[in-house]
């Protein structure tokens, strides 16, 4: 059911517009062989065409290098040129940092502390203070962190020098103090961040060059952890985000709402995916559900089911929707109808999102097991399963026929000290 018309939204939405983004702006095109954003070069979990990364590996097989990662984080590796970048946080020193590794060797090239102190006192045990993935474009890196009761955006150059910082808005969740997770999205000359929570929620856009506020839009005051995405759907660029009991579309140039539909649930963590004029969203708290809507402005809800896909994003390929539930069941649905093509029980809880490369889908569970299966609606076709580390929450990044994995081990029978690792998997 459509809950607001564009005319009503124009009268009621609280929008502070400082400067709109130029009319010819568009989503940046990444260089071949890079993985520069959350969910990759196409922002939908799909690797560049022609990729043939390994399907089998272990801690000794098909490992190009392995590098220690200080601290803790769930951000995915961002790969730009000869560099691999991560965010991390150390609870004992209250430091949040950006790390840069050499893509060829795994050598740590630099580490830049972007904040000290002010980390939230409470956070979900399965979240971290560095769960937002870096976005990169034009020789600049953009990251979002939660500290000092606010969401802060920081821009760095490729050598780790801080160019600017900006406070996007306050972030003081009242009911569930679970932390922050949304990744920034780039559009034209702007970096856009979401601050969904149950007190003064917002979307905000900043100039990539200067950090100047371009626009800020009020969001419903509800808890949510989804990352926004800009996609060209139904003939126009739309800034899409799920959660807060709706699917919402905004104009990425101005922040003005285009349409929204009552769908999903209060809290989601996944990023919307799309094909043609359809968008697909899912949520898991307090009620589960997968939803397909028409994004032509009508907001028509075409189908829904009751599967719980809370933390993961989904994949669309050749008219079919692929997803992994929280409990580790893989599904393939026909995109337009929602008909189940197949489902298969895997093992363990899942927090990471699936990635498509070389016609295969890669998905890891929280215990470090990664399944590789064919992206086909005919039947579930397992290609391989690989164990690496003892814990995996970050989504893999696949580019240049390489797979970059962030995993963790626990060493010692008594101390069980946790250590994160960054792997480069390559034939």
Protein backbone atom coordinates (compact mmCIF):
# COMPACT_ATOMS: atom_id res chain seq x y z
CA UNK A 1 0.00 0.00 0.00
CA UNK A 2 1.37 3.40 -0.94
CA UNK A 3 1.55 5.52 2.22
CA UNK A 4 2.48 8.94 0.86
CA UNK A 5 2.18 10.73 -2.43
CA UNK A 6 4.97 12.91 -3.78
CA UNK A 7 2.82 16.00 -3.32
CA UNK A 8 2.18 15.21 0.35
CA UNK A 9 5.85 14.49 0.96
CA UNK A 10 6.81 17.83 -0.58
CA UNK A 11 4.61 19.59 1.99
CA UNK A 12 5.61 17.61 5.08
CA UNK A 13 9.22 16.37 4.77
CA UNK A 14 11.79 18.36 6.74
CA UNK A 15 14.56 19.10 4.26
CA UNK A 16 17.43 21.50 4.74
CA UNK A 17 18.95 22.19 1.33
CA UNK A 18 22.24 24.05 1.38
CA UNK A 19 23.30 23.28 -2.18
CA UNK A 20 21.92 20.77 -4.66
CA UNK A 21 24.18 18.45 -6.61
CA UNK A 22 24.62 19.40 -10.27
CA UNK A 23 22.02 18.05 -12.66
CA UNK A 24 24.53 16.07 -14.72
CA UNK A 25 25.97 14.30 -11.65
CA UNK A 26 25.91 10.54 -11.54
CA UNK A 27 27.31 7.60 -9.65
CA UNK A 28 31.08 7.32 -10.15
CA UNK A 29 32.40 4.66 -12.51
CA UNK A 30 35.19 2.62 -10.89
CA UNK A 31 38.37 1.56 -12.66
CA UNK A 32 38.54 -1.99 -13.96
CA UNK A 33 39.81 -4.40 -11.33
CA UNK A 34 38.69 -2.29 -8.34
CA UNK A 35 36.15 -2.92 -5.57
CA UNK A 36 35.75 0.67 -4.35
CA UNK A 37 32.40 0.69 -2.52
CA UNK A 38 30.20 -1.35 -0.22
CA UNK A 39 28.77 -4.14 -2.45
CA UNK A 40 31.35 -3.58 -5.17
CA UNK A 41 31.71 -1.69 -8.45
CA UNK A 42 28.03 -2.02 -9.39
CA UNK A 43 26.86 -1.47 -5.78
CA UNK A 44 24.77 -4.65 -5.92
CA UNK A 45 27.14 -7.44 -4.86
CA UNK A 46 28.08 -8.33 -8.44
CA UNK A 47 31.73 -8.44 -9.50
CA UNK A 48 32.98 -7.02 -12.77
CA UNK A 49 32.15 -9.23 -15.78
CA UNK A 50 34.77 -11.75 -16.85
CA UNK A 51 36.07 -12.48 -13.34
CA UNK A 52 37.22 -16.04 -12.66
CA UNK A 53 38.37 -16.05 -9.03
CA UNK A 54 39.28 -19.29 -7.23
CA UNK A 55 36.47 -21.50 -5.97
CA UNK A 56 38.66 -23.58 -3.63
CA UNK A 57 41.18 -22.52 -1.00
CA UNK A 58 42.41 -23.17 2.52
CA UNK A 59 44.91 -21.48 4.86
CA UNK A 60 47.70 -22.97 2.72
CA UNK A 61 46.10 -23.38 -0.74
CA UNK A 62 45.55 -20.48 -3.16
CA UNK A 63 46.67 -17.92 -0.56
CA UNK A 64 48.65 -15.07 -2.16
CA UNK A 65 49.23 -13.41 1.22
CA UNK A 66 47.89 -13.05 4.73
CA UNK A 67 48.20 -9.88 6.85
CA UNK A 68 47.38 -9.20 10.49
CA UNK A 69 44.65 -6.65 11.17
CA UNK A 70 44.84 -4.75 14.47
CA UNK A 71 41.64 -4.21 16.40
CA UNK A 72 38.22 -5.34 15.33
CA UNK A 73 35.82 -4.46 12.52
CA UNK A 74 33.20 -5.83 10.16
CA UNK A 75 33.86 -3.49 7.23
CA UNK A 76 34.58 -5.16 3.90
CA UNK A 77 37.90 -4.62 2.10
CA UNK A 78 37.86 -1.66 -0.29
CA UNK A 79 40.23 -2.27 -3.21
CA UNK A 80 41.55 0.63 -5.33
CA UNK A 81 44.49 0.19 -7.68
CA UNK A 82 47.35 -1.34 -5.72
CA UNK A 83 45.79 -0.70 -2.31
CA UNK A 84 43.41 -2.55 0.03
CA UNK A 85 41.69 -0.47 2.71
CA UNK A 86 39.83 -1.30 5.91
CA UNK A 87 38.38 0.46 8.92
CA UNK A 88 39.14 -0.90 12.37
CA UNK A 89 38.59 -0.01 16.02
CA UNK A 90 40.36 -0.86 19.26
CA UNK A 91 38.18 -0.88 22.34
CA UNK A 92 41.01 -0.71 24.88
CA UNK A 93 42.54 2.47 23.39
CA UNK A 94 39.24 3.88 22.07
CA UNK A 95 40.82 4.39 18.65
CA UNK A 96 39.11 4.20 15.25
CA UNK A 97 41.46 3.95 12.28
CA UNK A 98 41.78 3.48 8.54
CA UNK A 99 44.31 0.84 7.37
CA UNK A 100 46.01 0.60 3.97
CA UNK A 101 47.69 -2.59 2.68
CA UNK A 102 49.73 -3.24 -0.44
CA UNK A 103 47.56 -5.25 -2.82
CA UNK A 104 50.47 -7.30 -4.18
CA UNK A 105 52.19 -8.24 -0.90
CA UNK A 106 49.84 -7.53 2.02
CA UNK A 107 52.35 -5.14 3.59
CA UNK A 108 50.75 -2.55 5.86
CA UNK A 109 51.56 0.74 4.09
CA UNK A 110 49.97 3.15 6.55
CA UNK A 111 47.59 3.42 9.44
CA UNK A 112 45.71 6.62 10.21
CA UNK A 113 43.90 7.16 13.50
CA UNK A 114 40.81 9.26 12.74
CA UNK A 115 39.32 9.34 16.24
CA UNK A 116 40.31 8.69 19.84
CA UNK A 117 37.75 8.36 22.61
CA UNK A 118 34.01 8.86 22.75
CA UNK A 119 33.02 5.37 21.59
CA UNK A 120 29.51 4.26 22.60
CA UNK A 121 29.49 2.55 25.99
CA UNK A 122 27.06 -0.09 24.75
CA UNK A 123 27.07 -1.93 21.44
CA UNK A 124 25.67 -5.24 20.19
CA UNK A 125 28.09 -8.10 20.80
CA UNK A 126 27.95 -8.96 17.09
CA UNK A 127 28.60 -5.40 15.94
CA UNK A 128 31.83 -3.38 16.03
CA UNK A 129 32.91 0.26 16.16
CA UNK A 130 34.17 -0.13 12.57
CA UNK A 131 31.40 -1.85 10.60
CA UNK A 132 31.00 0.79 7.88
CA UNK A 133 32.85 0.08 4.61
CA UNK A 134 35.04 2.76 3.00
CA UNK A 135 33.96 4.34 -0.31
CA UNK A 136 36.69 5.52 -2.70
CA UNK A 137 36.70 7.82 -5.72
CA UNK A 138 38.98 10.36 -7.36
CA UNK A 139 41.97 9.63 -5.12
CA UNK A 140 39.89 10.13 -1.97
CA UNK A 141 38.61 7.80 0.72
CA UNK A 142 35.36 8.41 2.62
CA UNK A 143 34.47 6.65 5.86
CA UNK A 144 31.75 7.02 8.49
CA UNK A 145 32.22 6.37 12.22
CA UNK A 146 30.03 6.61 15.32
CA UNK A 147 31.73 8.42 18.22
CA UNK A 148 30.99 11.26 20.65
CA UNK A 149 27.23 10.65 20.29
CA UNK A 150 27.22 11.46 16.56
CA UNK A 151 27.97 10.11 13.08
CA UNK A 152 31.17 11.61 11.70
CA UNK A 153 32.37 11.52 8.07
CA UNK A 154 36.08 11.67 7.31
CA UNK A 155 37.82 12.15 3.95
CA UNK A 156 41.43 11.03 3.41
CA UNK A 157 43.78 10.95 0.47
CA UNK A 158 45.44 7.75 -0.72
CA UNK A 159 48.45 8.39 1.53
CA UNK A 160 46.29 8.55 4.65
CA UNK A 161 46.26 12.30 5.18
CA UNK A 162 43.00 13.61 6.60
CA UNK A 163 41.48 16.17 4.22
CA UNK A 164 38.36 17.04 6.19
CA UNK A 165 35.94 15.79 8.81
CA UNK A 166 32.27 16.63 9.28
CA UNK A 167 29.61 15.79 11.84
CA UNK A 168 26.61 14.39 9.94
CA UNK A 169 24.20 14.38 12.85
CA UNK A 170 23.63 13.18 16.40
CA UNK A 171 23.36 9.44 17.00
CA UNK A 172 21.88 8.56 20.39
CA UNK A 173 19.76 5.38 20.13
CA UNK A 174 17.43 5.09 23.10
CA UNK A 175 15.74 1.69 22.94
CA UNK A 176 18.45 -0.57 21.51
CA UNK A 177 22.04 0.58 21.89
CA UNK A 178 23.45 -1.68 19.18
CA UNK A 179 25.89 0.68 17.46
CA UNK A 180 26.20 1.87 13.86
CA UNK A 181 26.74 0.00 10.57
CA UNK A 182 25.65 1.98 7.48
CA UNK A 183 28.24 2.61 4.75
CA UNK A 184 28.51 5.91 2.82
CA UNK A 185 27.39 6.11 -0.80
CA UNK A 186 28.89 8.40 -3.45
CA UNK A 187 26.91 10.31 -6.05
CA UNK A 188 28.31 13.00 -8.29
CA UNK A 189 30.37 15.26 -6.05
CA UNK A 190 28.64 14.16 -2.84
CA UNK A 191 29.13 11.58 -0.12
CA UNK A 192 25.80 10.56 1.43
CA UNK A 193 25.39 8.95 4.86
CA UNK A 194 22.42 7.57 6.78
CA UNK A 195 21.81 8.02 10.50
CA UNK A 196 18.69 5.97 11.20
CA UNK A 197 17.88 5.70 14.91
CA UNK A 198 15.01 6.50 17.26
CA UNK A 199 15.98 10.13 17.89
CA UNK A 200 16.60 12.75 15.17
CA UNK A 201 17.26 10.31 12.29
CA UNK A 202 18.60 11.69 9.02
CA UNK A 203 20.13 11.35 5.58
CA UNK A 204 22.89 13.88 4.86
CA UNK A 205 25.07 14.73 1.84
CA UNK A 206 28.48 16.43 1.93
CA UNK A 207 30.69 17.87 -0.77
CA UNK A 208 33.50 15.41 -1.49
CA UNK A 209 36.07 18.16 -1.96
CA UNK A 210 35.36 20.36 1.06
CA UNK A 211 33.06 18.50 3.46
CA UNK A 212 30.46 21.25 3.13
CA UNK A 213 26.89 20.18 3.89
CA UNK A 214 24.86 19.98 0.67
CA UNK A 215 21.53 18.77 2.03
CA UNK A 216 20.02 17.03 5.02
CA UNK A 217 16.70 15.19 5.16
CA UNK A 218 14.78 13.96 8.16
CA UNK A 219 14.12 10.20 8.42
CA UNK A 220 11.57 8.39 10.64
CA UNK A 221 12.77 8.14 14.23
CA UNK A 222 13.07 4.36 14.24
CA UNK A 223 16.00 1.99 14.72
CA UNK A 224 17.58 0.73 11.52
CA UNK A 225 21.02 -0.30 10.23
CA UNK A 226 20.62 -0.36 6.44
CA UNK A 227 23.06 1.31 4.04
CA UNK A 228 21.54 3.48 1.30
CA UNK A 229 22.35 2.98 -2.38
CA UNK A 230 21.92 5.06 -5.54
CA UNK A 231 20.56 3.10 -8.50
CA UNK A 232 19.12 3.99 -11.87
CA UNK A 233 15.68 2.39 -11.65
CA UNK A 234 12.61 3.05 -13.78
CA UNK A 235 14.56 5.57 -15.86
CA UNK A 236 15.92 7.81 -13.10
CA UNK A 237 18.57 7.91 -10.37
CA UNK A 238 17.06 7.04 -7.00
CA UNK A 239 18.57 7.03 -3.53
CA UNK A 240 17.04 3.91 -2.01
CA UNK A 241 16.94 2.70 1.59
CA UNK A 242 14.87 0.08 3.41
CA UNK A 243 13.78 -0.15 7.03
CA UNK A 244 11.80 2.04 9.43
CA UNK A 245 8.77 0.00 8.30
CA UNK A 246 9.02 1.21 4.70
CA UNK A 247 10.97 1.27 1.47
CA UNK A 248 11.92 4.84 0.61
CA UNK A 249 13.22 6.59 -2.51
CA UNK A 250 14.85 10.04 -2.51
CA UNK A 251 16.29 12.31 -5.16
CA UNK A 252 20.06 11.97 -4.58
CA UNK A 253 20.64 15.50 -5.89
CA UNK A 254 18.44 17.22 -3.29
CA UNK A 255 17.36 14.69 -0.66
CA UNK A 256 13.69 15.25 -1.49
CA UNK A 257 11.53 12.15 -1.16
CA UNK A 258 10.25 10.66 -4.41
CA UNK A 259 8.06 7.89 -2.99
CA UNK A 260 7.77 5.47 -0.11
CA UNK A 261 5.75 2.34 0.57
CA UNK A 262 4.81 0.55 3.78
CA UNK A 263 7.03 -2.53 3.56
CA UNK A 264 9.85 -4.38 5.32
CA UNK A 265 9.98 -3.97 9.09
CA UNK A 266 11.46 -1.58 11.62
CA UNK A 267 15.05 -2.81 11.50
CA UNK A 268 16.94 -3.97 8.43
CA UNK A 269 20.67 -4.19 7.72
CA UNK A 270 20.77 -5.13 4.04
CA UNK A 271 21.08 -2.80 1.07
CA UNK A 272 18.33 -2.73 -1.56
CA UNK A 273 18.93 -4.52 -4.89
CA UNK A 274 17.10 -3.88 -8.15
CA UNK A 275 16.46 -4.94 -11.73
CA UNK A 276 14.59 -2.97 -14.43
CA UNK A 277 11.84 -1.11 -12.52
CA UNK A 278 11.75 -3.53 -9.56
CA UNK A 279 13.45 -3.17 -6.17
CA UNK A 280 13.91 -5.91 -3.58
CA UNK A 281 14.25 -5.38 0.17
CA UNK A 282 14.25 -7.57 3.27
CA UNK A 283 14.15 -7.20 7.03
CA UNK A 284 14.16 -9.20 10.21
CA UNK A 285 13.10 -7.31 13.34
CA UNK A 286 10.60 -7.46 14.85
CA UNK A 287 8.93 -9.26 11.94
CA UNK A 288 10.68 -11.00 9.02
CA UNK A 289 9.95 -10.50 5.34
CA UNK A 290 11.22 -10.18 1.76
CA UNK A 291 9.49 -7.61 -0.46
CA UNK A 292 9.36 -6.80 -4.17
CA UNK A 293 8.11 -3.36 -5.23
CA UNK A 294 7.72 -1.42 -8.44
CA UNK A 295 9.96 1.64 -8.29
CA UNK A 296 8.26 3.71 -11.00
CA UNK A 297 6.78 6.07 -8.39
CA UNK A 298 3.69 3.98 -7.76
CA UNK A 299 5.38 2.06 -4.94
CA UNK A 300 3.25 -0.97 -5.83
CA UNK A 301 3.99 -4.01 -3.68
CA UNK A 302 4.13 -6.99 -6.05
CA UNK A 303 4.90 -9.81 -3.64
CA UNK A 304 6.27 -10.63 -0.20
CA UNK A 305 7.19 -13.63 1.91
CA UNK A 306 8.13 -14.21 5.55
CA UNK A 307 11.77 -15.28 5.34
CA UNK A 308 14.12 -13.64 7.87
CA UNK A 309 16.96 -11.87 6.03
CA UNK A 310 17.95 -9.33 8.64
CA UNK A 311 21.68 -8.62 8.34
CA UNK A 312 22.38 -9.69 4.78
CA UNK A 313 21.84 -7.97 1.45
CA UNK A 314 20.51 -10.01 -1.49
CA UNK A 315 21.53 -10.57 -5.13
CA UNK A 316 19.63 -10.23 -8.42
CA UNK A 317 20.87 -12.12 -11.48
CA UNK A 318 19.09 -12.82 -14.77
CA UNK A 319 15.66 -12.07 -13.35
CA UNK A 320 16.07 -14.14 -10.19
CA UNK A 321 16.58 -13.11 -6.57
CA UNK A 322 19.13 -14.99 -4.45
CA UNK A 323 19.43 -14.68 -0.68
CA UNK A 324 20.67 -16.34 2.48
CA UNK A 325 18.55 -16.25 5.64
CA UNK A 326 19.92 -15.50 9.10
CA UNK A 327 19.87 -19.21 9.91
CA UNK A 328 21.79 -20.19 6.77
CA UNK A 329 19.18 -21.32 4.24
CA UNK A 330 19.86 -20.33 0.62
CA UNK A 331 16.93 -19.33 -1.61
CA UNK A 332 16.31 -18.58 -5.25
CA UNK A 333 13.07 -16.79 -6.16
CA UNK A 334 11.66 -15.75 -9.50
CA UNK A 335 12.04 -11.98 -9.41
CA UNK A 336 8.68 -10.84 -10.77
CA UNK A 337 6.49 -13.40 -9.03
CA UNK A 338 8.37 -14.47 -5.90
CA UNK A 339 7.92 -18.15 -6.77
CA UNK A 340 10.50 -20.35 -5.03
CA UNK A 341 12.83 -21.96 -7.56
CA UNK A 342 14.84 -23.83 -4.93
CA UNK A 343 16.05 -23.65 -1.33
CA UNK A 344 18.93 -25.39 0.38
CA UNK A 345 19.95 -25.70 4.02
CA UNK A 346 23.55 -24.64 4.66
CA UNK A 347 25.13 -24.53 8.13
CA UNK A 348 25.42 -21.90 10.83
CA UNK A 349 24.31 -18.31 11.28
CA UNK A 350 25.04 -15.81 8.50
CA UNK A 351 25.80 -12.09 8.75
CA UNK A 352 27.82 -11.45 5.56
CA UNK A 353 26.18 -10.73 2.20
CA UNK A 354 26.54 -12.88 -0.95
CA UNK A 355 28.81 -11.87 -3.82
CA UNK A 356 28.42 -12.97 -7.47
CA UNK A 357 31.53 -13.58 -9.60
CA UNK A 358 32.18 -15.82 -12.59
CA UNK A 359 28.64 -17.18 -12.51
CA UNK A 360 29.07 -18.35 -8.91
CA UNK A 361 27.72 -17.02 -5.63
CA UNK A 362 30.10 -16.79 -2.65
CA UNK A 363 28.63 -16.63 0.87
CA UNK A 364 30.24 -17.10 4.28
CA UNK A 365 28.74 -17.98 7.64
CA UNK A 366 29.85 -16.52 10.94
CA UNK A 367 32.23 -19.45 11.57
CA UNK A 368 34.39 -18.81 8.50
CA UNK A 369 32.86 -21.40 6.16
CA UNK A 370 32.36 -20.06 2.62
CA UNK A 371 30.08 -21.84 0.18
CA UNK A 372 30.42 -21.41 -3.58
CA UNK A 373 27.38 -22.38 -5.67
CA UNK A 374 26.09 -21.69 -9.17
CA UNK A 375 23.83 -18.70 -9.80
CA UNK A 376 21.15 -20.71 -11.59
CA UNK A 377 17.41 -21.11 -10.93
CA UNK A 378 17.42 -24.73 -12.11
CA UNK A 379 18.63 -26.27 -8.84
CA UNK A 380 21.12 -25.71 -6.05
CA UNK A 381 24.52 -26.67 -7.46
CA UNK A 382 27.30 -26.65 -4.87
CA UNK A 383 30.73 -25.99 -6.36
CA UNK A 384 32.89 -25.93 -3.22
CA UNK A 385 32.99 -25.11 0.47
CA UNK A 386 36.04 -23.63 2.13
CA UNK A 387 36.99 -23.00 5.76
CA UNK A 388 39.20 -20.04 6.64
CA UNK A 389 39.55 -18.69 10.16
CA UNK A 390 37.06 -19.27 12.96
CA UNK A 391 34.90 -16.16 12.52
CA UNK A 392 33.70 -14.19 9.48
CA UNK A 393 31.25 -11.27 9.56
CA UNK A 394 32.66 -9.12 6.76
CA UNK A 395 31.44 -9.61 3.18
CA UNK A 396 34.13 -10.76 0.69
CA UNK A 397 35.41 -8.38 -1.99
CA UNK A 398 36.16 -9.94 -5.40
CA UNK A 399 38.09 -8.12 -8.12
CA UNK A 400 40.95 -8.80 -10.54
CA UNK A 401 40.36 -12.55 -10.12
CA UNK A 402 41.29 -12.12 -6.45
CA UNK A 403 39.18 -12.60 -3.32
CA UNK A 404 39.84 -10.42 -0.28
CA UNK A 405 38.58 -11.89 2.99
CA UNK A 406 38.50 -10.43 6.50
CA UNK A 407 38.33 -13.23 9.07
CA UNK A 408 39.36 -13.84 12.68
CA UNK A 409 41.02 -16.61 14.70
CA UNK A 410 41.14 -17.26 18.41
CA UNK A 411 44.57 -18.47 19.54
CA UNK A 412 45.46 -20.22 22.78
CA UNK A 413 43.48 -22.76 24.74
CA UNK A 414 43.27 -20.50 27.79
CA UNK A 415 43.31 -16.89 26.61
CA UNK A 416 41.43 -17.47 23.35
CA UNK A 417 42.87 -14.17 22.14
CA UNK A 418 41.12 -12.90 19.04
CA UNK A 419 43.17 -11.89 15.99
CA UNK A 420 41.80 -10.58 12.70
CA UNK A 421 43.43 -11.35 9.35
CA UNK A 422 43.14 -10.00 5.83
CA UNK A 423 43.62 -12.67 3.15
CA UNK A 424 44.20 -12.36 -0.57
CA UNK A 425 42.98 -15.53 -2.29
CA UNK A 426 44.34 -16.08 -5.78
CA UNK A 427 45.15 -18.95 -8.13
